[in-house]
Amino acid sequence: MVADSVGLGKTWIGKKLLEDFAYHMRQKALVVCPASLREIWEHELAEATIPATVLSQEELGQEEFDPSPWADADVVLVDESHNFRNQNAQRYGNMERLLGANGGRGRDGGRKKVILLTATPINNDLFDLYNQFCLITRGDRSYFSACGIGDLYRYFLKARRDSRANSGVFALFNLLEEIVIRRTRPFIRTAYPEATIKGQRIHFPQRKLKTVRYDLENTYAGIYDEIVSGIESLQLAPYNLEAYKKVGVEVDTFEAGREQALVEERNEARQYRIALSMLAWLKAEVVWMLALIVWATVRVALGKAEGLGVLFTPGVIAVVGTTVAVHLVLSYRAR
């Protein structure tokens, strides 16, 4: 498993491994990746003239998936392997069938090799990692007995118990040293200060954190009053015809009063419901915006993003504006 941080070239490393197996050793290779990365992998493989097939994880997840075309694959590279953290998923079961096909052996007669690429091997639980390792061990719990791990499942159970005492990661060190490569940007800067790729020296931009302060109360002060005022200012002409008679035509004050009462009776409850709906939508949107800001802040802290992005502010304006516009239209039509 290659579990380097985001942006450290896991695709490039995977391509080099496939170049060795599929190009130099003429072994049959298969790349399994998300559909969004399929074009990238096909381009990279074609550029290096590596004879490998690319299969999307979405295709693999189909109930009618047939593994027979790749039953004799010698090496299977799984990009974004954290998507195989759930053994109950359809794609996981189909992957097991594919790896177990042809007696678990490739075209050259050897055991199928599995390469896993992911920057986030653990998402929710240590068993996310265990389930990915099972693609390598094929369910053999004694696979790592030579390095002192007699039962892989029990090993992870103990590590999960220890994790509650903040020592679970340390309990996995013996296993991780055997099967995982994990490097970070600080490590690359320290260990490989002169490292190059394609003749160009590796350069990591310096991160510059900034604090964005906001005040929702001041930003949206008075917006609810303006909305209610706008709704109340609607004339509702179909229910107030007397007010639209030509100049000089006598207005029936009794009929005008009746129409006004009718407008208030028919429209009050309906307009009130629409206003409540709009307020509920606006509150929900504010909550989602705050959640997005927190999520983006965490990603920036982890080095997975540079910030909220240039589309955040226009997106917020568009969403809030659309909500208000839609409810104003509904209010107008409900007159």
Foldseek 3Di string as FASTA:
>chain_A
DEQAAPPPQPVVVVLVVLCVCCVVVVFEEEEEEAPVCQVVNVVSCVVSVGPYYYHYLVLLQDPPRDLVVQLQGQEYEYEQLLVQLDCPGSSVVSLLCSCPHPNCHHPVGHHRHYHYYHNPQDDPALSSVVRSCCSHVVPPQCSPVVLPRRGNVVLRVVLRVCVVVVCSVVSCVSVCVVDYDYDYPVRCCVVPVQDDDPPHGDDDDDADDDDDDDDPCVVCPPVLVVLVVVLVPDPLCVLQVLVVDDPPDDRDPVSNVVSVVVCCVQQVVVLVVLSVVLVVQVVVLVVVLVVLQVVQVVCVVSVNDRHSDPCSVVVSCVSNVVSSVVSVVVSNVSD
